[in-house]
Amino acid sequence: MRQTFYYERGSEAHGFVTEEEHREHVRQEILEERERRRRRLHKNARFLKTRNKRIAVSFGIGVVLMAMFSAFVYLENGITESMQTISRDEETLSQLKADNSALMSRISTDASLSSVKKKAEKLGMKYASPDQIEYYTVKEQDYMSVNNR
């Protein structure tokens, strides 16, 4: 006959089990421990996967933000440069307008009828005699006419 050993279960001094029951209990505990370990590993794997996804998303967002910031700085520099160019062009335009105004006033003073008459007399020019004048009439509207006064 096979000898039966009795094992104490936990802190229960009065609860004895057979060797077979003890082995079954130990086997169950091992299986439960394996299952707990498998679940913990699965949970850790899911956690790592989620963490890696979050890191990738955060990195992607960071890259996009840096690209947007770089584009903003680039555009801001372009706007500043354009404003400086416009300012220089406006200064040049105002200088040209001032020069043009000065030249127009000089022309208007130099081209007055009295000054033209004086210069013509200086050069020995005289009024045309009546036999030198020829008159003609235009039947159609002249395309060069700008204003009929």
N, C-alpha and C. Protein backbone atom coordinates (compact mmCIF):
# COMPACT_ATOMS: atom_id res chain seq x y z
N MET A 1 0.83 -1.17 0.00
CA MET A 1 0.00 0.00 0.00
C MET A 1 0.88 1.24 0.00
N ARG A 2 0.34 2.19 -0.67
CA ARG A 2 1.07 3.44 -0.82
C ARG A 2 0.91 4.27 0.43
N GLN A 3 2.02 4.91 0.77
CA GLN A 3 1.98 5.69 1.99
C GLN A 3 1.41 7.06 1.68
N THR A 4 0.56 7.59 2.49
CA THR A 4 -0.06 8.89 2.31
C THR A 4 0.54 9.87 3.30
N PHE A 5 0.98 10.99 2.78
CA PHE A 5 1.50 12.06 3.64
C PHE A 5 0.46 13.13 3.72
N TYR A 6 0.39 13.71 4.86
CA TYR A 6 -0.56 14.79 5.06
C TYR A 6 0.20 16.11 5.19
N TYR A 7 -0.26 17.10 4.46
CA TYR A 7 0.39 18.41 4.46
C TYR A 7 -0.53 19.42 5.10
N GLU A 8 0.09 20.34 5.78
CA GLU A 8 -0.68 21.37 6.44
C GLU A 8 -0.99 22.45 5.41
N ARG A 9 -2.20 22.88 5.34
CA ARG A 9 -2.59 23.89 4.38
C ARG A 9 -2.68 25.24 5.10
N GLY A 10 -1.79 26.18 4.69
CA GLY A 10 -1.82 27.52 5.26
C GLY A 10 -1.61 27.52 6.75
N SER A 11 -2.34 28.35 7.41
CA SER A 11 -2.19 28.49 8.86
C SER A 11 -3.19 27.61 9.59
N GLU A 12 -3.91 26.85 8.81
CA GLU A 12 -4.90 25.98 9.43
C GLU A 12 -4.20 24.72 9.94
N ALA A 13 -3.97 24.67 11.18
CA ALA A 13 -3.26 23.52 11.76
C ALA A 13 -4.13 22.28 11.75
N HIS A 14 -5.40 22.48 11.68
CA HIS A 14 -6.28 21.31 11.74
C HIS A 14 -6.69 20.81 10.35
N GLY A 15 -6.31 21.57 9.25
CA GLY A 15 -6.70 21.16 7.92
C GLY A 15 -5.59 20.44 7.22
N PHE A 16 -5.61 19.14 7.21
CA PHE A 16 -4.58 18.35 6.53
C PHE A 16 -5.14 17.81 5.23
N VAL A 17 -4.26 17.71 4.23
CA VAL A 17 -4.68 17.16 2.93
C VAL A 17 -3.74 16.04 2.56
N THR A 18 -4.16 15.28 1.59
CA THR A 18 -3.32 14.18 1.12
C THR A 18 -2.25 14.72 0.19
N GLU A 19 -1.28 13.88 -0.10
CA GLU A 19 -0.18 14.28 -0.97
C GLU A 19 -0.71 14.64 -2.36
N GLU A 20 -1.65 13.88 -2.86
CA GLU A 20 -2.24 14.13 -4.17
C GLU A 20 -2.95 15.47 -4.21
N GLU A 21 -3.72 15.73 -3.16
CA GLU A 21 -4.41 17.02 -3.10
C GLU A 21 -3.40 18.16 -3.01
N HIS A 22 -2.33 17.92 -2.27
CA HIS A 22 -1.29 18.94 -2.13
C HIS A 22 -0.64 19.22 -3.50
N ARG A 23 -0.31 18.16 -4.23
CA ARG A 23 0.29 18.32 -5.56
C ARG A 23 -0.67 19.08 -6.50
N GLU A 24 -1.93 18.74 -6.45
CA GLU A 24 -2.94 19.42 -7.28
C GLU A 24 -3.01 20.90 -6.90
N HIS A 25 -2.96 21.16 -5.62
CA HIS A 25 -3.00 22.54 -5.14
C HIS A 25 -1.76 23.32 -5.62
N VAL A 26 -0.58 22.69 -5.50
CA VAL A 26 0.66 23.32 -5.96
C VAL A 26 0.61 23.56 -7.47
N ARG A 27 0.10 22.57 -8.21
CA ARG A 27 -0.03 22.72 -9.66
C ARG A 27 -0.97 23.88 -10.00
N GLN A 28 -2.07 24.01 -9.28
CA GLN A 28 -3.03 25.10 -9.50
C GLN A 28 -2.36 26.44 -9.21
N GLU A 29 -1.60 26.50 -8.13
CA GLU A 29 -0.92 27.75 -7.80
C GLU A 29 0.09 28.13 -8.88
N ILE A 30 0.81 27.15 -9.40
CA ILE A 30 1.77 27.40 -10.48
C ILE A 30 1.05 27.91 -11.72
N LEU A 31 -0.08 27.26 -12.06
CA LEU A 31 -0.86 27.71 -13.22
C LEU A 31 -1.40 29.12 -13.02
N GLU A 32 -1.88 29.40 -11.82
CA GLU A 32 -2.38 30.75 -11.53
C GLU A 32 -1.26 31.77 -11.61
N GLU A 33 -0.09 31.42 -11.09
CA GLU A 33 1.06 32.33 -11.15
C GLU A 33 1.47 32.58 -12.60
N ARG A 34 1.48 31.54 -13.42
CA ARG A 34 1.78 31.69 -14.86
C ARG A 34 0.77 32.62 -15.54
N GLU A 35 -0.51 32.41 -15.20
CA GLU A 35 -1.58 33.24 -15.79
C GLU A 35 -1.41 34.69 -15.34
N ARG A 36 -1.11 34.92 -14.06
CA ARG A 36 -0.89 36.29 -13.57
C ARG A 36 0.31 36.92 -14.28
N ARG A 37 1.39 36.15 -14.44
CA ARG A 37 2.57 36.65 -15.13
C ARG A 37 2.25 36.97 -16.59
N ARG A 38 1.49 36.07 -17.26
CA ARG A 38 1.10 36.30 -18.65
C ARG A 38 0.27 37.57 -18.77
N ARG A 39 -0.68 37.75 -17.87
CA ARG A 39 -1.52 38.96 -17.89
C ARG A 39 -0.67 40.21 -17.64
N ARG A 40 0.24 40.11 -16.67
CA ARG A 40 1.10 41.26 -16.37
C ARG A 40 1.98 41.60 -17.58
N LEU A 41 2.54 40.59 -18.23
CA LEU A 41 3.35 40.83 -19.42
C LEU A 41 2.52 41.42 -20.55
N HIS A 42 1.30 40.91 -20.71
CA HIS A 42 0.40 41.43 -21.73
C HIS A 42 0.05 42.89 -21.43
N LYS A 43 -0.23 43.16 -20.15
CA LYS A 43 -0.56 44.53 -19.74
C LYS A 43 0.64 45.46 -19.95
N ASN A 44 1.84 44.97 -19.59
CA ASN A 44 3.05 45.77 -19.81
C ASN A 44 3.28 46.02 -21.29
N ALA A 45 3.03 45.00 -22.11
CA ALA A 45 3.21 45.16 -23.57
C ALA A 45 2.24 46.20 -24.09
N ARG A 46 0.97 46.14 -23.64
CA ARG A 46 -0.01 47.15 -24.07
C ARG A 46 0.40 48.53 -23.59
N PHE A 47 0.89 48.61 -22.35
CA PHE A 47 1.35 49.89 -21.81
C PHE A 47 2.50 50.44 -22.64
N LEU A 48 3.47 49.59 -22.97
CA LEU A 48 4.61 50.04 -23.78
C LEU A 48 4.18 50.46 -25.17
N LYS A 49 3.24 49.72 -25.75
CA LYS A 49 2.72 50.06 -27.07
C LYS A 49 2.05 51.43 -27.03
N THR A 50 1.21 51.62 -26.01
CA THR A 50 0.51 52.90 -25.86
C THR A 50 1.51 54.02 -25.61
N ARG A 51 2.50 53.76 -24.76
CA ARG A 51 3.51 54.78 -24.47
C ARG A 51 4.29 55.13 -25.73
N ASN A 52 4.66 54.12 -26.52
CA ASN A 52 5.39 54.37 -27.76
C ASN A 52 4.55 55.18 -28.74
N LYS A 53 3.26 54.86 -28.80
CA LYS A 53 2.36 55.63 -29.68
C LYS A 53 2.31 57.07 -29.22
N ARG A 54 2.18 57.29 -27.91
CA ARG A 54 2.12 58.66 -27.39
C ARG A 54 3.42 59.41 -27.68
N ILE A 55 4.54 58.72 -27.52
CA ILE A 55 5.82 59.35 -27.81
C ILE A 55 5.90 59.72 -29.29
N ALA A 56 5.47 58.81 -30.15
CA ALA A 56 5.50 59.09 -31.60
C ALA A 56 4.59 60.26 -31.94
N VAL A 57 3.39 60.28 -31.36
CA VAL A 57 2.46 61.39 -31.63
C VAL A 57 3.05 62.70 -31.11
N SER A 58 3.62 62.66 -29.90
CA SER A 58 4.23 63.87 -29.35
C SER A 58 5.38 64.34 -30.23
N PHE A 59 6.20 63.41 -30.68
CA PHE A 59 7.31 63.77 -31.56
C PHE A 59 6.78 64.37 -32.87
N GLY A 60 5.75 63.75 -33.43
CA GLY A 60 5.15 64.27 -34.66
C GLY A 60 4.59 65.67 -34.47
N ILE A 61 3.90 65.86 -33.36
CA ILE A 61 3.36 67.20 -33.08
C ILE A 61 4.50 68.20 -32.92
N GLY A 62 5.57 67.79 -32.26
CA GLY A 62 6.73 68.67 -32.10
C GLY A 62 7.34 69.05 -33.44
N VAL A 63 7.45 68.07 -34.33
CA VAL A 63 8.02 68.33 -35.66
C VAL A 63 7.12 69.30 -36.43
N VAL A 64 5.81 69.07 -36.37
CA VAL A 64 4.87 69.95 -37.06
C VAL A 64 4.95 71.37 -36.50
N LEU A 65 5.00 71.48 -35.17
CA LEU A 65 5.09 72.81 -34.55
C LEU A 65 6.39 73.51 -34.94
N MET A 66 7.48 72.76 -34.97
CA MET A 66 8.76 73.37 -35.38
C MET A 66 8.71 73.82 -36.84
N ALA A 67 8.08 73.00 -37.67
CA ALA A 67 7.95 73.39 -39.09
C ALA A 67 7.10 74.65 -39.21
N MET A 68 6.01 74.71 -38.46
CA MET A 68 5.14 75.89 -38.51
C MET A 68 5.89 77.12 -37.98
N PHE A 69 6.64 76.95 -36.91
CA PHE A 69 7.41 78.06 -36.35
C PHE A 69 8.45 78.54 -37.36
N SER A 70 9.13 77.60 -38.00
CA SER A 70 10.13 77.96 -39.01
C SER A 70 9.49 78.70 -40.17
N ALA A 71 8.33 78.20 -40.62
CA ALA A 71 7.62 78.88 -41.71
C ALA A 71 7.20 80.27 -41.28
N PHE A 72 6.74 80.42 -40.05
CA PHE A 72 6.33 81.72 -39.54
C PHE A 72 7.51 82.69 -39.54
N VAL A 73 8.66 82.23 -39.04
CA VAL A 73 9.84 83.09 -38.99
C VAL A 73 10.28 83.45 -40.41
N TYR A 74 10.25 82.48 -41.31
CA TYR A 74 10.63 82.74 -42.71
C TYR A 74 9.70 83.78 -43.33
N LEU A 75 8.39 83.61 -43.14
CA LEU A 75 7.44 84.57 -43.70
C LEU A 75 7.58 85.95 -43.05
N GLU A 76 7.81 85.96 -41.75
CA GLU A 76 8.00 87.24 -41.04
C GLU A 76 9.22 87.97 -41.59
N ASN A 77 10.31 87.25 -41.83
CA ASN A 77 11.50 87.87 -42.43
C ASN A 77 11.20 88.39 -43.83
N GLY A 78 10.44 87.61 -44.59
CA GLY A 78 10.07 88.06 -45.93
C GLY A 78 9.23 89.33 -45.89
N ILE A 79 8.30 89.40 -44.95
CA ILE A 79 7.45 90.59 -44.81
C ILE A 79 8.30 91.79 -44.42
N THR A 80 9.22 91.59 -43.47
CA THR A 80 10.10 92.68 -43.04
C THR A 80 10.95 93.18 -44.21
N GLU A 81 11.49 92.24 -44.97
CA GLU A 81 12.31 92.62 -46.13
C GLU A 81 11.47 93.36 -47.17
N SER A 82 10.25 92.90 -47.40
CA SER A 82 9.37 93.57 -48.35
C SER A 82 9.03 94.98 -47.88
N MET A 83 8.78 95.13 -46.59
CA MET A 83 8.47 96.46 -46.05
C MET A 83 9.66 97.40 -46.21
N GLN A 84 10.88 96.89 -46.00
CA GLN A 84 12.07 97.72 -46.18
C GLN A 84 12.23 98.11 -47.64
N THR A 85 11.97 97.17 -48.55
CA THR A 85 12.06 97.47 -49.98
C THR A 85 11.03 98.52 -50.36
N ILE A 86 9.81 98.37 -49.85
CA ILE A 86 8.75 99.35 -50.14
C ILE A 86 9.14 100.72 -49.61
N SER A 87 9.70 100.75 -48.41
CA SER A 87 10.12 102.02 -47.82
C SER A 87 11.20 102.69 -48.68
N ARG A 88 12.18 101.90 -49.12
CA ARG A 88 13.23 102.46 -49.99
C ARG A 88 12.63 102.97 -51.30
N ASP A 89 11.70 102.19 -51.88
CA ASP A 89 11.07 102.60 -53.13
C ASP A 89 10.23 103.87 -52.95
N GLU A 90 9.56 103.99 -51.80
CA GLU A 90 8.77 105.20 -51.54
C GLU A 90 9.67 106.42 -51.39
N GLU A 91 10.83 106.23 -50.73
CA GLU A 91 11.79 107.33 -50.62
C GLU A 91 12.29 107.75 -52.00
N THR A 92 12.60 106.75 -52.84
CA THR A 92 13.06 107.05 -54.19
C THR A 92 11.97 107.78 -54.97
N LEU A 93 10.72 107.32 -54.83
CA LEU A 93 9.59 107.94 -55.52
C LEU A 93 9.41 109.39 -55.08
N SER A 94 9.48 109.63 -53.77
CA SER A 94 9.30 111.01 -53.30
C SER A 94 10.44 111.90 -53.79
N GLN A 95 11.67 111.35 -53.86
CA GLN A 95 12.80 112.13 -54.38
C GLN A 95 12.60 112.44 -55.87
N LEU A 96 12.14 111.43 -56.63
CA LEU A 96 11.89 111.65 -58.05
C LEU A 96 10.77 112.67 -58.28
N LYS A 97 9.74 112.61 -57.44
CA LYS A 97 8.64 113.59 -57.55
C LYS A 97 9.15 115.00 -57.26
N ALA A 98 10.01 115.12 -56.25
CA ALA A 98 10.57 116.43 -55.92
C ALA A 98 11.43 116.94 -57.07
N ASP A 99 12.27 116.04 -57.64
CA ASP A 99 13.09 116.44 -58.80
C ASP A 99 12.22 116.83 -59.98
N ASN A 100 11.16 116.04 -60.22
CA ASN A 100 10.25 116.32 -61.33
C ASN A 100 9.56 117.67 -61.13
N SER A 101 9.14 117.93 -59.92
CA SER A 101 8.48 119.21 -59.62
C SER A 101 9.43 120.37 -59.85
N ALA A 102 10.68 120.19 -59.41
CA ALA A 102 11.68 121.25 -59.61
C ALA A 102 11.92 121.47 -61.10
N LEU A 103 12.03 120.39 -61.87
CA LEU A 103 12.25 120.52 -63.31
C LEU A 103 11.04 121.16 -64.01
N MET A 104 9.85 120.80 -63.57
CA MET A 104 8.64 121.39 -64.18
C MET A 104 8.56 122.89 -63.91
N SER A 105 8.91 123.31 -62.71
CA SER A 105 8.88 124.75 -62.41
C SER A 105 9.97 125.47 -63.21
N ARG A 106 11.12 124.82 -63.37
CA ARG A 106 12.19 125.42 -64.17
C ARG A 106 11.77 125.55 -65.63
N ILE A 107 11.13 124.48 -66.15
CA ILE A 107 10.65 124.52 -67.54
C ILE A 107 9.59 125.59 -67.71
N SER A 108 8.67 125.66 -66.76
CA SER A 108 7.59 126.65 -66.91
C SER A 108 8.13 128.07 -66.84
N THR A 109 9.16 128.31 -66.02
CA THR A 109 9.73 129.66 -65.99
C THR A 109 10.57 129.93 -67.24
N ASP A 110 11.27 128.94 -67.73
CA ASP A 110 12.10 129.13 -68.92
C ASP A 110 11.27 129.18 -70.19
N ALA A 111 10.10 128.54 -70.20
CA ALA A 111 9.31 128.44 -71.43
C ALA A 111 8.16 129.45 -71.46
N SER A 112 8.22 130.51 -70.67
CA SER A 112 7.17 131.51 -70.74
C SER A 112 7.30 132.26 -72.07
N LEU A 113 6.21 132.85 -72.53
CA LEU A 113 6.22 133.51 -73.84
C LEU A 113 7.20 134.67 -73.91
N SER A 114 7.29 135.38 -72.82
CA SER A 114 8.20 136.54 -72.84
C SER A 114 9.65 136.08 -72.94
N SER A 115 9.99 134.99 -72.24
CA SER A 115 11.38 134.52 -72.32
C SER A 115 11.68 133.93 -73.69
N VAL A 116 10.70 133.26 -74.30
CA VAL A 116 10.89 132.73 -75.64
C VAL A 116 11.08 133.88 -76.64
N LYS A 117 10.27 134.96 -76.48
CA LYS A 117 10.37 136.12 -77.37
C LYS A 117 11.75 136.77 -77.23
N LYS A 118 12.22 136.89 -75.98
CA LYS A 118 13.54 137.51 -75.77
C LYS A 118 14.65 136.67 -76.40
N LYS A 119 14.58 135.37 -76.23
CA LYS A 119 15.61 134.50 -76.79
C LYS A 119 15.55 134.51 -78.31
N ALA A 120 14.33 134.56 -78.86
CA ALA A 120 14.18 134.61 -80.32
C ALA A 120 14.75 135.91 -80.87
N GLU A 121 14.50 137.02 -80.19
CA GLU A 121 15.06 138.31 -80.64
C GLU A 121 16.58 138.29 -80.55
N LYS A 122 17.10 137.63 -79.49
CA LYS A 122 18.55 137.52 -79.33
C LYS A 122 19.18 136.76 -80.49
N LEU A 123 18.45 135.73 -80.96
CA LEU A 123 18.96 134.91 -82.06
C LEU A 123 18.69 135.54 -83.42
N GLY A 124 18.02 136.69 -83.44
CA GLY A 124 17.76 137.39 -84.70
C GLY A 124 16.50 136.93 -85.40
N MET A 125 15.60 136.35 -84.71
CA MET A 125 14.35 135.90 -85.32
C MET A 125 13.35 137.04 -85.32
N LYS A 126 12.42 137.03 -86.34
CA LYS A 126 11.40 138.06 -86.46
C LYS A 126 10.06 137.41 -86.65
N TYR A 127 8.97 138.22 -86.49
CA TYR A 127 7.62 137.70 -86.73
C TYR A 127 7.47 137.37 -88.21
N ALA A 128 6.61 136.40 -88.51
CA ALA A 128 6.38 136.02 -89.90
C ALA A 128 5.56 137.11 -90.59
N SER A 129 5.89 137.35 -91.84
CA SER A 129 5.12 138.35 -92.62
C SER A 129 3.87 137.69 -93.15
N PRO A 130 2.84 138.46 -93.50
CA PRO A 130 1.57 137.87 -93.95
C PRO A 130 1.72 136.96 -95.18
N ASP A 131 2.67 137.18 -96.02
CA ASP A 131 2.81 136.32 -97.19
C ASP A 131 3.46 134.97 -96.84
N GLN A 132 4.05 134.86 -95.65
CA GLN A 132 4.64 133.60 -95.21
C GLN A 132 3.63 132.69 -94.49
N ILE A 133 2.49 133.20 -94.17
CA ILE A 133 1.49 132.44 -93.42
C ILE A 133 0.56 131.74 -94.38
N GLU A 134 0.33 130.49 -94.18
CA GLU A 134 -0.61 129.71 -94.99
C GLU A 134 -1.68 129.14 -94.07
N TYR A 135 -2.93 129.22 -94.50
CA TYR A 135 -4.06 128.72 -93.73
C TYR A 135 -4.66 127.52 -94.43
N TYR A 136 -5.15 126.56 -93.69
CA TYR A 136 -5.84 125.41 -94.27
C TYR A 136 -6.91 124.96 -93.28
N THR A 137 -7.89 124.23 -93.78
CA THR A 137 -8.99 123.74 -92.95
C THR A 137 -9.00 122.21 -93.01
N VAL A 138 -9.37 121.60 -91.89
CA VAL A 138 -9.43 120.15 -91.78
C VAL A 138 -10.89 119.76 -91.84
N LYS A 139 -11.22 118.88 -92.77
CA LYS A 139 -12.61 118.48 -92.93
C LYS A 139 -13.03 117.43 -91.90
N GLU A 140 -12.16 116.55 -91.55
CA GLU A 140 -12.47 115.50 -90.58
C GLU A 140 -11.80 115.82 -89.25
N GLN A 141 -12.31 115.19 -88.22
CA GLN A 141 -11.70 115.38 -86.90
C GLN A 141 -10.30 114.80 -86.89
N ASP A 142 -9.34 115.58 -86.48
CA ASP A 142 -7.96 115.12 -86.43
C ASP A 142 -7.79 114.22 -85.21
N TYR A 143 -7.17 113.04 -85.45
CA TYR A 143 -7.02 112.11 -84.33
C TYR A 143 -6.03 112.61 -83.30
N MET A 144 -5.21 113.58 -83.63
CA MET A 144 -4.24 114.14 -82.69
C MET A 144 -4.87 115.18 -81.79
N SER A 145 -6.03 115.67 -82.15
CA SER A 145 -6.66 116.70 -81.32
C SER A 145 -7.06 116.10 -79.99
N VAL A 146 -6.67 116.78 -78.96
CA VAL A 146 -6.99 116.30 -77.63
C VAL A 146 -8.15 117.10 -77.07
N ASN A 147 -8.11 118.40 -77.28
CA ASN A 147 -9.11 119.27 -76.69
C ASN A 147 -9.45 120.36 -77.70
N ASN A 148 -10.69 120.61 -77.96
CA ASN A 148 -11.10 121.69 -78.85
C ASN A 148 -11.46 122.87 -77.98
N ARG A 149 -10.61 123.85 -77.91
CA ARG A 149 -10.88 125.03 -77.08
C ARG A 149 -11.27 126.18 -77.92
